Amino acid sequence: MRALRITGAVVVLLGAAFLLWPSPIASRPFHAGPLPSLEGPLVPNRVLERCERISAGEILHSDKLLVDPRGRVYAGDVSGWILRLTPDEAGAYTLERFAEMGGRPMELALGPGGQLIVADHEGPHATIDSAGGVRRLATLTDSPEGTAGVAVAGDGTLYYGAHTEEPLSDDEGLATLLHGLEASGQSELRAFDPQTGRERTLVGGLYRPVGVELSSDEEFVAVAEFFAYRVTRYWLKGPKAGTRDFLLDNLPGFPDGLASDGEGTFFVSLAALRDPALDWIHARPWAKNLVAKLMRLGLQPAPSGGAGIVLVVDEAGRILESFQDPEGRHVSQVTTAELHDGSLFLGSISGDWIARCPVDRHARGLQ
């Protein structure tokens, strides 16, 4: 009995110490809207199960892709290289190492002169010429958590998300999850002019921006807020210039990649579907602070492949349809979707593949 009493006292003391132990985050409430039902254009389908993998096992964590006018596919690899897949006349792809970045390349875009624009996780953007030569752009000196998303306007202006929060952990994955729980809304959408070196903040208070894309007429720039289940729209031209609203709000999942076909259609990649339990604790800072403590002790949620989902959205914010692999059996955690010459190319931050999916643009569906 004495041993049981001692054990009970120890458990009580440990529990009290855990409750008194400061949380690694200063959590704020975030009230997500009612979880939308998967109906209409969101009704589950198995369209993405018909995609062809063109690089299985060759590229790790292709968070974002880029396809140039010649159909060559560029992807960042965890090794620090930009890799390039070049198709031949028969449709087979040859993989090559194109440019070494050092830091992990995260975001890719084409500049007005055809040069490759890269944002790596460590910070500065860079341009890469046709021979793979890298030139750094000295920007983002006050973005401790790096950058996300990059879109390039016709005049060369770069638009990107800047993670301005202080790092919450040396573990990149844990730091990202902790920032998501904290919901501090400290990130920004910025613009940078490479000619003048001028950098300016367009929108503040963002919840972990990731994908960034311009509308077809460059009237607005859209930025996916991963942990807020929405896509913010900042108006660059017209009567709304200088203001923000939402292109999409209360999405059923976490928006990651944004891409445009240049003709008025966006492709929005959902890295995962929402969890009702997370929505519940998102509104309760005390619960998030407790969860953050457990995560710092190593009790993190088990990784899950999740569904593969790409939304087809017009520039008015209407969801036209969705392409899905509900169980993630063939493609999962899709974080990038790029359209080129009748095919949709998909990548995943957690996968080792790039998938190619033929598209019937008139029917707005996959063949």
Protein backbone atom coordinates (compact mmCIF):
# COMPACT_ATOMS: atom_id res chain seq x y z
CA MET A 1 0.00 0.00 0.00
CA ARG A 2 2.84 2.35 0.87
CA ALA A 3 4.42 1.73 -2.53
CA LEU A 4 1.11 2.54 -4.21
CA ARG A 5 0.80 5.78 -2.26
CA ILE A 6 4.34 6.77 -3.21
CA THR A 7 3.66 5.96 -6.86
CA GLY A 8 0.45 7.96 -6.78
CA ALA A 9 2.22 10.92 -5.23
CA VAL A 10 4.92 10.79 -7.89
CA VAL A 11 2.28 10.70 -10.63
CA VAL A 12 0.51 13.70 -9.09
CA LEU A 13 3.76 15.63 -8.81
CA LEU A 14 4.74 14.83 -12.38
CA GLY A 15 1.28 15.87 -13.58
CA ALA A 16 1.48 19.13 -11.68
CA ALA A 17 4.97 19.79 -13.07
CA PHE A 18 3.70 19.15 -16.59
CA LEU A 19 0.81 21.57 -16.13
CA LEU A 20 3.12 24.23 -14.71
CA TRP A 21 5.78 23.69 -17.39
CA PRO A 22 5.59 26.65 -19.81
CA SER A 23 4.19 25.85 -23.23
CA PRO A 24 6.53 26.42 -26.20
CA ILE A 25 3.81 28.47 -27.89
CA ALA A 26 1.67 31.47 -27.02
CA SER A 27 -1.46 30.08 -28.56
CA ARG A 28 -4.26 32.22 -29.96
CA PRO A 29 -7.77 31.07 -30.84
CA PHE A 30 -8.59 30.44 -34.48
CA HIS A 31 -12.23 29.83 -35.31
CA ALA A 32 -12.55 27.73 -38.44
CA GLY A 33 -15.87 27.73 -40.22
CA PRO A 34 -18.14 24.67 -40.23
CA LEU A 35 -16.44 21.76 -41.92
CA PRO A 36 -17.79 21.81 -45.50
CA SER A 37 -19.42 18.66 -46.80
CA LEU A 38 -17.79 16.88 -49.73
CA GLU A 39 -20.58 17.35 -52.23
CA GLY A 40 -21.10 18.99 -55.60
CA PRO A 41 -17.65 19.63 -57.14
CA LEU A 42 -16.06 18.23 -53.96
CA VAL A 43 -17.76 14.83 -54.08
CA PRO A 44 -15.08 12.11 -53.74
CA ASN A 45 -13.81 10.58 -56.98
CA ARG A 46 -10.87 8.44 -58.08
CA VAL A 47 -9.65 10.53 -60.99
CA LEU A 48 -6.05 10.79 -59.76
CA GLU A 49 -5.70 7.02 -59.56
CA ARG A 50 -5.31 7.12 -63.36
CA CYS A 51 -2.17 9.29 -63.28
CA GLU A 52 1.16 7.93 -64.51
CA ARG A 53 4.23 8.22 -62.28
CA ILE A 54 7.18 9.46 -64.34
CA SER A 55 9.88 9.56 -61.66
CA ALA A 56 8.99 7.05 -58.96
CA GLY A 57 11.82 6.69 -56.46
CA GLU A 58 14.02 9.34 -58.10
CA ILE A 59 12.99 12.68 -56.55
CA LEU A 60 12.43 13.08 -52.83
CA HIS A 61 9.90 15.54 -51.43
CA SER A 62 9.08 17.48 -54.62
CA ASP A 63 7.18 20.16 -52.72
CA LYS A 64 6.78 22.39 -55.80
CA LEU A 65 7.22 21.76 -59.52
CA LEU A 66 7.66 23.92 -62.58
CA VAL A 67 7.12 22.99 -66.23
CA ASP A 68 8.79 25.20 -68.83
CA PRO A 69 7.46 25.89 -72.37
CA ARG A 70 9.46 22.93 -73.72
CA GLY A 71 7.75 20.53 -71.35
CA ARG A 72 10.77 20.05 -69.08
CA VAL A 73 9.80 19.45 -65.46
CA TYR A 74 11.88 21.05 -62.68
CA ALA A 75 11.70 19.94 -59.05
CA GLY A 76 13.58 20.73 -55.86
CA ASP A 77 15.11 17.78 -54.04
CA VAL A 78 16.09 17.42 -50.37
CA SER A 79 19.69 16.94 -51.53
CA GLY A 80 19.81 20.67 -52.36
CA TRP A 81 19.66 20.20 -56.13
CA ILE A 82 17.19 21.40 -58.73
CA LEU A 83 16.45 18.31 -60.81
CA ARG A 84 15.13 18.39 -64.37
CA LEU A 85 13.08 15.80 -66.26
CA THR A 86 13.28 16.15 -70.06
CA PRO A 87 10.81 14.30 -72.30
CA ASP A 88 11.79 12.63 -75.55
CA GLU A 89 9.62 12.15 -78.63
CA ALA A 90 8.23 8.91 -77.22
CA GLY A 91 7.16 10.60 -74.00
CA ALA A 92 9.85 9.03 -71.81
CA TYR A 93 11.64 11.32 -69.32
CA THR A 94 15.37 11.60 -68.61
CA LEU A 95 16.43 12.85 -65.17
CA GLU A 96 19.41 15.17 -64.71
CA ARG A 97 20.89 17.35 -61.99
CA PHE A 98 20.41 20.89 -63.23
CA ALA A 99 21.62 23.28 -60.51
CA GLU A 100 23.00 22.90 -56.99
CA MET A 101 21.39 25.27 -54.50
CA GLY A 102 23.01 24.20 -51.25
CA GLY A 103 19.90 24.88 -49.16
CA ARG A 104 16.72 22.99 -49.89
CA PRO A 105 14.92 24.52 -52.92
CA MET A 106 11.26 24.95 -52.08
CA GLU A 107 9.57 27.18 -54.66
CA LEU A 108 10.03 27.58 -58.42
CA ALA A 109 8.79 30.06 -61.02
CA LEU A 110 9.72 31.29 -64.49
CA GLY A 111 10.92 34.86 -64.91
CA PRO A 112 9.87 37.05 -67.85
CA GLY A 113 13.16 36.27 -69.62
CA GLY A 114 12.78 32.51 -69.20
CA GLN A 115 15.14 32.29 -66.23
CA LEU A 116 14.28 30.05 -63.31
CA ILE A 117 13.40 31.80 -60.04
CA VAL A 118 14.01 29.76 -56.89
CA ALA A 119 13.16 30.34 -53.24
CA ASP A 120 14.94 27.99 -50.87
CA HIS A 121 13.97 27.32 -47.28
CA GLU A 122 17.02 29.10 -45.90
CA GLY A 123 15.92 32.45 -47.26
CA PRO A 124 17.26 34.32 -50.30
CA HIS A 125 15.74 33.94 -53.69
CA ALA A 126 17.98 33.13 -56.64
CA THR A 127 17.86 33.11 -60.41
CA ILE A 128 19.18 30.25 -62.51
CA ASP A 129 20.17 30.69 -66.15
CA SER A 130 19.74 28.16 -68.94
CA ALA A 131 23.13 26.59 -68.15
CA GLY A 132 22.33 26.06 -64.47
CA GLY A 133 24.28 29.06 -63.20
CA VAL A 134 22.96 30.38 -59.87
CA ARG A 135 22.83 34.07 -58.92
CA ARG A 136 21.63 34.96 -55.44
CA LEU A 137 19.29 37.87 -54.72
CA ALA A 138 20.02 39.52 -51.38
CA THR A 139 16.52 39.69 -49.89
CA LEU A 140 14.50 38.39 -46.96
CA THR A 141 16.97 39.34 -44.26
CA ASP A 142 14.18 39.50 -41.67
CA SER A 143 12.42 36.21 -42.41
CA PRO A 144 13.73 33.84 -39.70
CA GLU A 145 11.60 30.95 -40.93
CA GLY A 146 12.36 31.48 -44.63
CA THR A 147 9.97 31.92 -47.53
CA ALA A 148 7.18 30.10 -49.26
CA GLY A 149 5.60 30.51 -52.65
CA VAL A 150 6.89 32.67 -55.46
CA ALA A 151 5.14 34.22 -58.46
CA VAL A 152 6.75 36.51 -61.05
CA ALA A 153 4.92 39.34 -62.81
CA GLY A 154 5.58 40.44 -66.36
CA ASP A 155 7.64 43.39 -65.12
CA GLY A 156 9.87 41.06 -63.08
CA THR A 157 8.36 41.80 -59.67
CA LEU A 158 8.54 38.80 -57.33
CA TYR A 159 5.61 38.07 -55.01
CA TYR A 160 6.17 35.61 -52.16
CA GLY A 161 5.20 34.63 -48.65
CA ALA A 162 7.60 35.46 -45.81
CA HIS A 163 7.55 33.47 -42.57
CA THR A 164 8.47 36.14 -40.04
CA GLU A 165 7.83 34.14 -36.86
CA GLU A 166 10.82 33.21 -34.73
CA PRO A 167 11.71 29.49 -34.97
CA LEU A 168 10.01 27.42 -32.26
CA SER A 169 12.25 24.36 -32.68
CA ASP A 170 15.42 23.23 -34.42
CA ASP A 171 13.32 20.45 -35.92
CA GLU A 172 11.79 21.93 -39.10
CA GLY A 173 8.74 19.67 -39.07
CA LEU A 174 8.02 20.24 -35.40
CA ALA A 175 8.50 24.00 -35.79
CA THR A 176 5.93 24.10 -38.58
CA LEU A 177 3.37 22.15 -36.54
CA LEU A 178 3.93 24.37 -33.50
CA HIS A 179 3.41 27.50 -35.60
CA GLY A 180 0.20 25.98 -36.91
CA LEU A 181 -1.06 25.40 -33.37
CA GLU A 182 -0.01 28.82 -32.18
CA ALA A 183 -2.03 30.55 -34.93
CA SER A 184 -0.16 33.80 -34.38
CA GLY A 185 -0.85 35.14 -37.86
CA GLN A 186 2.56 36.80 -38.15
CA SER A 187 3.51 35.92 -41.72
CA GLU A 188 3.40 38.29 -44.69
CA LEU A 189 2.92 38.58 -48.43
CA ARG A 190 5.74 40.61 -49.92
CA ALA A 191 6.82 42.05 -53.26
CA PHE A 192 10.43 42.47 -54.43
CA ASP A 193 11.72 44.42 -57.42
CA PRO A 194 15.02 42.84 -58.57
CA GLN A 195 15.91 45.96 -60.57
CA THR A 196 15.76 48.41 -57.67
CA GLY A 197 16.25 45.98 -54.77
CA ARG A 198 13.13 47.40 -53.14
CA GLU A 199 11.12 45.05 -50.94
CA ARG A 200 7.73 45.90 -49.49
CA THR A 201 5.05 44.19 -47.43
CA LEU A 202 1.62 43.96 -49.08
CA VAL A 203 -0.33 41.94 -46.50
CA GLY A 204 0.41 41.03 -42.89
CA GLY A 205 -1.31 38.75 -40.40
CA LEU A 206 -1.17 35.64 -42.59
CA TYR A 207 -1.36 32.08 -41.25
CA ARG A 208 1.61 30.26 -42.76
CA PRO A 209 1.47 31.31 -46.44
CA VAL A 210 2.65 28.68 -48.92
CA GLY A 211 1.57 28.79 -52.57
CA VAL A 212 1.52 32.19 -54.33
CA GLU A 213 0.14 32.89 -57.81
CA LEU A 214 -0.96 35.79 -60.00
CA SER A 215 -4.25 36.03 -61.85
CA SER A 216 -4.12 35.78 -65.64
CA ASP A 217 -4.28 39.58 -66.09
CA GLU A 218 -2.13 40.25 -62.99
CA GLU A 219 -5.05 42.10 -61.42
CA PHE A 220 -4.49 40.29 -58.12
CA VAL A 221 -2.09 37.96 -56.38
CA ALA A 222 -3.41 34.95 -54.46
CA VAL A 223 -1.68 33.33 -51.48
CA ALA A 224 -2.65 30.05 -49.82
CA GLU A 225 -2.83 30.24 -46.01
CA PHE A 226 -2.08 26.67 -45.05
CA PHE A 227 -3.29 26.68 -41.44
CA ALA A 228 -6.31 28.92 -42.07
CA TYR A 229 -7.94 26.73 -44.77
CA ARG A 230 -8.21 29.66 -47.17
CA VAL A 231 -6.67 31.55 -50.10
CA THR A 232 -6.22 35.29 -49.60
CA ARG A 233 -6.48 37.64 -52.58
CA TYR A 234 -4.57 40.95 -52.69
CA TRP A 235 -5.68 43.36 -55.41
CA LEU A 236 -2.91 44.98 -57.44
CA LYS A 237 -5.07 46.85 -59.97
CA GLY A 238 -8.55 48.28 -60.38
CA PRO A 239 -10.90 49.91 -57.86
CA LYS A 240 -9.91 47.40 -55.12
CA ALA A 241 -6.16 47.96 -55.53
CA GLY A 242 -4.34 47.84 -52.21
CA THR A 243 -7.06 45.83 -50.44
CA ARG A 244 -7.45 42.16 -49.57
CA ASP A 245 -10.29 39.68 -49.48
CA PHE A 246 -10.59 35.91 -49.83
CA LEU A 247 -10.54 34.04 -53.12
CA LEU A 248 -11.46 30.88 -51.20
CA ASP A 249 -12.45 30.48 -47.56
CA ASN A 250 -13.33 27.59 -45.23
CA LEU A 251 -11.82 24.94 -47.48
CA PRO A 252 -12.16 21.23 -46.60
CA GLY A 253 -8.38 20.86 -46.38
CA PHE A 254 -4.99 22.54 -46.10
CA PRO A 255 -4.25 24.56 -49.28
CA ASP A 256 -0.64 24.30 -50.40
CA GLY A 257 0.29 24.75 -54.04
CA LEU A 258 -1.31 27.34 -56.32
CA ALA A 259 -0.89 27.33 -60.09
CA SER A 260 -2.61 29.13 -62.95
CA ASP A 261 -3.17 28.03 -66.53
CA GLY A 262 -2.90 31.69 -67.61
CA GLU A 263 -6.46 31.60 -68.92
CA GLY A 264 -8.47 32.23 -65.76
CA THR A 265 -8.19 28.89 -63.94
CA PHE A 266 -6.29 28.07 -60.75
CA PHE A 267 -5.25 24.61 -59.59
CA VAL A 268 -5.22 24.45 -55.78
CA SER A 269 -3.50 21.48 -54.14
CA LEU A 270 -4.86 20.35 -50.77
CA ALA A 271 -2.04 18.65 -48.86
CA ALA A 272 -4.52 16.96 -46.50
CA LEU A 273 -8.14 17.06 -45.42
CA ARG A 274 -9.14 18.85 -42.22
CA ASP A 275 -9.45 17.00 -38.93
CA PRO A 276 -12.54 17.88 -36.83
CA ALA A 277 -10.49 17.36 -33.66
CA LEU A 278 -7.94 19.95 -34.81
CA ASP A 279 -10.75 22.38 -35.65
CA TRP A 280 -12.02 21.92 -32.08
CA ILE A 281 -8.73 22.62 -30.35
CA HIS A 282 -7.90 25.46 -32.78
CA ALA A 283 -10.51 27.56 -30.98
CA ARG A 284 -9.18 26.70 -27.51
CA PRO A 285 -5.72 28.08 -26.68
CA TRP A 286 -5.44 26.09 -23.43
CA ALA A 287 -5.86 22.83 -25.33
CA LYS A 288 -3.31 23.85 -27.98
CA ASN A 289 -0.80 24.82 -25.30
CA LEU A 290 -1.12 21.35 -23.72
CA VAL A 291 -0.76 19.61 -27.09
CA ALA A 292 2.34 21.69 -27.84
CA LYS A 293 3.94 20.48 -24.59
CA LEU A 294 3.29 16.87 -25.55
CA MET A 295 4.78 17.49 -28.98
CA ARG A 296 7.94 18.93 -27.43
CA LEU A 297 8.21 15.68 -25.45
CA GLY A 298 8.15 13.73 -28.71
CA LEU A 299 4.47 12.73 -28.72
CA GLN A 300 3.74 13.99 -32.22
CA PRO A 301 0.87 12.82 -34.43
CA ALA A 302 1.78 9.88 -36.61
CA PRO A 303 2.46 10.88 -40.24
CA SER A 304 -0.31 9.98 -42.63
CA GLY A 305 -0.25 9.78 -46.40
CA GLY A 306 -3.70 11.31 -46.64
CA ALA A 307 -5.81 11.92 -49.68
CA GLY A 308 -4.60 13.41 -52.93
CA ILE A 309 -6.81 16.37 -53.91
CA VAL A 310 -6.54 19.14 -56.50
CA LEU A 311 -9.27 21.78 -56.82
CA VAL A 312 -10.05 23.51 -60.12
CA VAL A 313 -11.06 27.10 -59.32
CA ASP A 314 -11.92 30.11 -61.47
CA GLU A 315 -10.68 33.63 -60.74
CA ALA A 316 -13.97 34.54 -59.07
CA GLY A 317 -13.33 31.86 -56.44
CA ARG A 318 -15.82 29.28 -57.70
CA ILE A 319 -14.76 25.65 -57.28
CA LEU A 320 -15.51 24.07 -60.66
CA GLU A 321 -14.47 20.52 -59.85
CA SER A 322 -11.93 18.43 -57.99
CA PHE A 323 -9.49 15.65 -58.91
CA GLN A 324 -9.03 13.12 -56.11
CA ASP A 325 -7.42 9.96 -54.82
CA PRO A 326 -9.42 9.68 -51.56
CA GLU A 327 -7.29 7.01 -49.89
CA GLY A 328 -3.99 8.28 -51.26
CA ARG A 329 -3.23 4.90 -52.77
CA HIS A 330 -1.66 6.26 -55.95
CA VAL A 331 -0.89 9.91 -55.17
CA SER A 332 -1.09 11.38 -51.66
CA GLN A 333 -0.42 14.73 -49.98
CA VAL A 334 -0.34 16.56 -53.31
CA THR A 335 1.41 19.89 -52.73
CA THR A 336 1.85 21.03 -56.33
CA ALA A 337 -0.13 20.75 -59.55
CA GLU A 338 1.15 22.35 -62.78
CA LEU A 339 -0.69 22.28 -66.11
CA HIS A 340 1.24 22.01 -69.39
CA ASP A 341 0.18 20.99 -72.88
CA GLY A 342 -2.81 18.91 -71.86
CA SER A 343 -1.23 17.29 -68.79
CA LEU A 344 -1.37 18.04 -65.09
CA PHE A 345 1.92 17.35 -63.30
CA LEU A 346 1.70 16.54 -59.57
CA GLY A 347 4.27 16.46 -56.78
CA SER A 348 4.22 15.77 -53.04
CA ILE A 349 6.27 17.02 -50.13
CA SER A 350 6.19 13.52 -48.62
CA GLY A 351 6.60 11.45 -51.79
CA ASP A 352 9.38 10.23 -54.05
CA TRP A 353 7.46 10.66 -57.29
CA ILE A 354 6.12 13.07 -59.91
CA ALA A 355 2.87 12.11 -61.59
CA ARG A 356 1.58 13.07 -65.04
CA CYS A 357 -2.17 13.21 -65.61
CA PRO A 358 -3.72 13.83 -69.09
CA VAL A 359 -6.36 16.56 -69.01
CA ASP A 360 -9.36 17.22 -71.25
CA ARG A 361 -9.51 21.02 -70.95
CA HIS A 362 -12.88 21.38 -72.64
CA ALA A 363 -14.60 18.95 -70.33
CA ARG A 364 -12.46 20.23 -67.45
CA GLY A 365 -11.65 16.71 -66.37
CA LEU A 366 -8.99 14.07 -66.68
CA GLN A 367 -9.16 11.67 -69.59
